[in-house]
Amino acid sequence: MPITKQAAKKMRHDRNRTTQTISIRESLRTLVKAMRKTPSAKTLTKAFSALDKAAKRNIIHDNKAARLKASLARLIIKK
């Protein structure tokens, strides 16, 4: 348990940040899965924006976002 007030505040802040990160990551996964299941331009733009936002917020690495975007774009090209 935290001893100081600052440690208690940091623990609360970290817990809130963790829940936000988990929810963003789950929504990102569902968008990517939807894109892989039914590739279209609309789902591609949604997945791209979600990947960019996640990379911007350091939820996923920039290179991972670029890698996923490239693989998803290939699905549209292949179609």
N, C-alpha and C. Protein backbone atom coordinates (compact mmCIF):
# COMPACT_ATOMS: atom_id res chain seq x y z
N MET A 1 0.83 -1.18 0.00
CA MET A 1 0.00 0.00 0.00
C MET A 1 0.88 1.25 0.00
N PRO A 2 0.40 2.31 -0.63
CA PRO A 2 1.19 3.53 -0.69
C PRO A 2 1.27 4.19 0.69
N ILE A 3 2.41 4.79 0.94
CA ILE A 3 2.63 5.43 2.22
C ILE A 3 2.31 6.93 2.14
N THR A 4 2.77 7.58 1.08
CA THR A 4 2.57 9.03 0.97
C THR A 4 1.34 9.33 0.13
N LYS A 5 0.90 10.59 0.21
CA LYS A 5 -0.26 11.01 -0.58
C LYS A 5 0.04 10.96 -2.07
N GLN A 6 1.28 11.33 -2.42
CA GLN A 6 1.66 11.31 -3.83
C GLN A 6 1.62 9.89 -4.39
N ALA A 7 2.05 8.93 -3.57
CA ALA A 7 2.05 7.54 -4.03
C ALA A 7 0.62 7.03 -4.21
N ALA A 8 -0.27 7.46 -3.34
CA ALA A 8 -1.68 7.06 -3.47
C ALA A 8 -2.29 7.65 -4.73
N LYS A 9 -1.96 8.92 -5.00
CA LYS A 9 -2.48 9.57 -6.19
C LYS A 9 -1.93 8.90 -7.45
N LYS A 10 -0.64 8.57 -7.43
CA LYS A 10 -0.04 7.90 -8.59
C LYS A 10 -0.68 6.54 -8.82
N MET A 11 -0.99 5.84 -7.75
CA MET A 11 -1.63 4.54 -7.89
C MET A 11 -3.01 4.68 -8.54
N ARG A 12 -3.78 5.69 -8.11
CA ARG A 12 -5.09 5.94 -8.72
C ARG A 12 -4.94 6.32 -10.20
N HIS A 13 -3.99 7.19 -10.46
CA HIS A 13 -3.76 7.64 -11.83
C HIS A 13 -3.35 6.47 -12.73
N ASP A 14 -2.45 5.63 -12.24
CA ASP A 14 -2.00 4.48 -13.02
C ASP A 14 -3.13 3.49 -13.29
N ARG A 15 -4.01 3.31 -12.30
CA ARG A 15 -5.14 2.40 -12.48
C ARG A 15 -6.07 2.93 -13.57
N ASN A 16 -6.34 4.23 -13.55
CA ASN A 16 -7.20 4.83 -14.58
C ASN A 16 -6.55 4.74 -15.95
N ARG A 17 -5.27 5.02 -16.02
CA ARG A 17 -4.55 4.97 -17.29
C ARG A 17 -4.55 3.54 -17.85
N THR A 18 -4.41 2.56 -16.98
CA THR A 18 -4.40 1.16 -17.42
C THR A 18 -5.75 0.77 -18.01
N THR A 19 -6.83 1.18 -17.38
CA THR A 19 -8.16 0.85 -17.92
C THR A 19 -8.39 1.52 -19.27
N GLN A 20 -7.91 2.76 -19.42
CA GLN A 20 -8.05 3.44 -20.70
C GLN A 20 -7.25 2.74 -21.79
N THR A 21 -6.03 2.35 -21.45
CA THR A 21 -5.16 1.67 -22.41
C THR A 21 -5.77 0.34 -22.84
N ILE A 22 -6.31 -0.40 -21.89
CA ILE A 22 -6.91 -1.69 -22.21
C ILE A 22 -8.12 -1.51 -23.14
N SER A 23 -8.94 -0.52 -22.88
CA SER A 23 -10.12 -0.32 -23.72
C SER A 23 -9.73 0.11 -25.13
N ILE A 24 -8.72 0.97 -25.24
CA ILE A 24 -8.26 1.41 -26.56
C ILE A 24 -7.67 0.23 -27.32
N ARG A 25 -6.90 -0.60 -26.63
CA ARG A 25 -6.27 -1.75 -27.27
C ARG A 25 -7.31 -2.76 -27.74
N GLU A 26 -8.36 -2.98 -26.94
CA GLU A 26 -9.41 -3.92 -27.34
C GLU A 26 -10.18 -3.41 -28.55
N SER A 27 -10.49 -2.12 -28.56
CA SER A 27 -11.21 -1.57 -29.71
C SER A 27 -10.34 -1.63 -30.96
N LEU A 28 -9.04 -1.43 -30.79
CA LEU A 28 -8.12 -1.53 -31.91
C LEU A 28 -8.11 -2.94 -32.48
N ARG A 29 -8.07 -3.92 -31.60
CA ARG A 29 -8.07 -5.32 -32.06
C ARG A 29 -9.35 -5.65 -32.81
N THR A 30 -10.49 -5.19 -32.30
CA THR A 30 -11.75 -5.49 -32.99
C THR A 30 -11.81 -4.84 -34.35
N LEU A 31 -11.27 -3.61 -34.47
CA LEU A 31 -11.27 -2.94 -35.78
C LEU A 31 -10.37 -3.67 -36.77
N VAL A 32 -9.21 -4.12 -36.30
CA VAL A 32 -8.29 -4.83 -37.19
C VAL A 32 -8.90 -6.16 -37.62
N LYS A 33 -9.53 -6.86 -36.68
CA LYS A 33 -10.18 -8.12 -37.02
C LYS A 33 -11.31 -7.91 -38.02
N ALA A 34 -12.10 -6.86 -37.84
CA ALA A 34 -13.18 -6.56 -38.77
C ALA A 34 -12.64 -6.26 -40.15
N MET A 35 -11.52 -5.55 -40.19
CA MET A 35 -10.91 -5.22 -41.48
C MET A 35 -10.43 -6.48 -42.19
N ARG A 36 -9.85 -7.40 -41.42
CA ARG A 36 -9.36 -8.64 -42.04
C ARG A 36 -10.51 -9.52 -42.51
N LYS A 37 -11.62 -9.46 -41.79
CA LYS A 37 -12.77 -10.30 -42.13
C LYS A 37 -13.47 -9.78 -43.39
N THR A 38 -13.76 -8.49 -43.41
CA THR A 38 -14.44 -7.89 -44.56
C THR A 38 -13.67 -6.64 -44.99
N PRO A 39 -12.67 -6.79 -45.84
CA PRO A 39 -11.88 -5.63 -46.25
C PRO A 39 -12.69 -4.69 -47.15
N SER A 40 -12.74 -3.44 -46.74
CA SER A 40 -13.36 -2.40 -47.55
C SER A 40 -12.67 -1.08 -47.22
N ALA A 41 -12.96 -0.08 -48.03
CA ALA A 41 -12.31 1.22 -47.83
C ALA A 41 -12.74 1.86 -46.52
N LYS A 42 -14.00 1.67 -46.17
CA LYS A 42 -14.52 2.28 -44.94
C LYS A 42 -13.86 1.68 -43.70
N THR A 43 -13.78 0.35 -43.66
CA THR A 43 -13.16 -0.29 -42.50
C THR A 43 -11.66 -0.02 -42.47
N LEU A 44 -11.06 0.17 -43.65
CA LEU A 44 -9.64 0.48 -43.72
C LEU A 44 -9.35 1.84 -43.09
N THR A 45 -10.17 2.83 -43.38
CA THR A 45 -9.93 4.16 -42.82
C THR A 45 -10.14 4.15 -41.30
N LYS A 46 -11.13 3.40 -40.82
CA LYS A 46 -11.34 3.31 -39.38
C LYS A 46 -10.16 2.64 -38.69
N ALA A 47 -9.67 1.57 -39.29
CA ALA A 47 -8.53 0.86 -38.71
C ALA A 47 -7.28 1.73 -38.74
N PHE A 48 -7.07 2.44 -39.84
CA PHE A 48 -5.89 3.31 -39.95
C PHE A 48 -5.92 4.41 -38.89
N SER A 49 -7.07 5.04 -38.71
CA SER A 49 -7.13 6.12 -37.73
C SER A 49 -6.94 5.59 -36.31
N ALA A 50 -7.49 4.41 -36.03
CA ALA A 50 -7.30 3.83 -34.71
C ALA A 50 -5.84 3.45 -34.47
N LEU A 51 -5.18 2.92 -35.49
CA LEU A 51 -3.77 2.57 -35.36
C LEU A 51 -2.91 3.82 -35.16
N ASP A 52 -3.22 4.88 -35.90
CA ASP A 52 -2.46 6.11 -35.74
C ASP A 52 -2.63 6.71 -34.35
N LYS A 53 -3.86 6.71 -33.85
CA LYS A 53 -4.11 7.25 -32.51
C LYS A 53 -3.42 6.42 -31.44
N ALA A 54 -3.44 5.11 -31.59
CA ALA A 54 -2.78 4.24 -30.61
C ALA A 54 -1.27 4.45 -30.62
N ALA A 55 -0.71 4.63 -31.81
CA ALA A 55 0.73 4.87 -31.90
C ALA A 55 1.08 6.25 -31.33
N LYS A 56 0.21 7.20 -31.56
CA LYS A 56 0.44 8.56 -31.05
C LYS A 56 0.42 8.59 -29.52
N ARG A 57 -0.44 7.79 -28.93
CA ARG A 57 -0.56 7.73 -27.47
C ARG A 57 0.39 6.72 -26.83
N ASN A 58 1.28 6.13 -27.63
CA ASN A 58 2.27 5.15 -27.17
C ASN A 58 1.63 3.90 -26.60
N ILE A 59 0.47 3.53 -27.11
CA ILE A 59 -0.16 2.28 -26.71
C ILE A 59 0.46 1.13 -27.49
N ILE A 60 0.74 1.37 -28.77
CA ILE A 60 1.51 0.43 -29.56
C ILE A 60 2.69 1.19 -30.16
N HIS A 61 3.70 0.47 -30.58
CA HIS A 61 4.89 1.10 -31.16
C HIS A 61 4.58 1.62 -32.56
N ASP A 62 5.28 2.67 -32.96
CA ASP A 62 5.07 3.25 -34.27
C ASP A 62 5.30 2.25 -35.40
N ASN A 63 6.35 1.43 -35.24
CA ASN A 63 6.64 0.46 -36.29
C ASN A 63 5.58 -0.63 -36.37
N LYS A 64 5.00 -1.00 -35.23
CA LYS A 64 3.93 -2.00 -35.25
C LYS A 64 2.71 -1.43 -35.97
N ALA A 65 2.41 -0.16 -35.73
CA ALA A 65 1.29 0.48 -36.42
C ALA A 65 1.55 0.51 -37.92
N ALA A 66 2.76 0.84 -38.32
CA ALA A 66 3.10 0.88 -39.74
C ALA A 66 3.00 -0.50 -40.36
N ARG A 67 3.47 -1.52 -39.62
CA ARG A 67 3.42 -2.89 -40.12
C ARG A 67 1.97 -3.34 -40.32
N LEU A 68 1.12 -3.06 -39.33
CA LEU A 68 -0.28 -3.46 -39.45
C LEU A 68 -0.98 -2.71 -40.58
N LYS A 69 -0.68 -1.43 -40.72
CA LYS A 69 -1.29 -0.65 -41.79
C LYS A 69 -0.89 -1.19 -43.16
N ALA A 70 0.36 -1.59 -43.30
CA ALA A 70 0.82 -2.14 -44.58
C ALA A 70 0.13 -3.46 -44.88
N SER A 71 0.00 -4.31 -43.87
CA SER A 71 -0.63 -5.61 -44.12
C SER A 71 -2.12 -5.45 -44.41
N LEU A 72 -2.77 -4.50 -43.77
CA LEU A 72 -4.19 -4.27 -44.04
C LEU A 72 -4.40 -3.64 -45.42
N ALA A 73 -3.49 -2.77 -45.82
CA ALA A 73 -3.60 -2.15 -47.14
C ALA A 73 -3.44 -3.19 -48.23
N ARG A 74 -2.60 -4.20 -47.99
CA ARG A 74 -2.42 -5.26 -48.98
C ARG A 74 -3.72 -6.03 -49.22
N LEU A 75 -4.57 -6.12 -48.20
CA LEU A 75 -5.85 -6.82 -48.37
C LEU A 75 -6.74 -6.09 -49.38
N ILE A 76 -6.70 -4.75 -49.36
CA ILE A 76 -7.49 -3.97 -50.30
C ILE A 76 -6.91 -4.08 -51.71
N ILE A 77 -5.60 -4.05 -51.81
CA ILE A 77 -4.95 -4.15 -53.12
C ILE A 77 -5.23 -5.51 -53.74
N LYS A 78 -5.17 -6.56 -52.90
CA LYS A 78 -5.40 -7.92 -53.39
C LYS A 78 -6.81 -8.11 -53.90
N LYS A 79 -7.76 -7.39 -53.30
CA LYS A 79 -9.17 -7.51 -53.66
C LYS A 79 -9.48 -6.96 -55.00
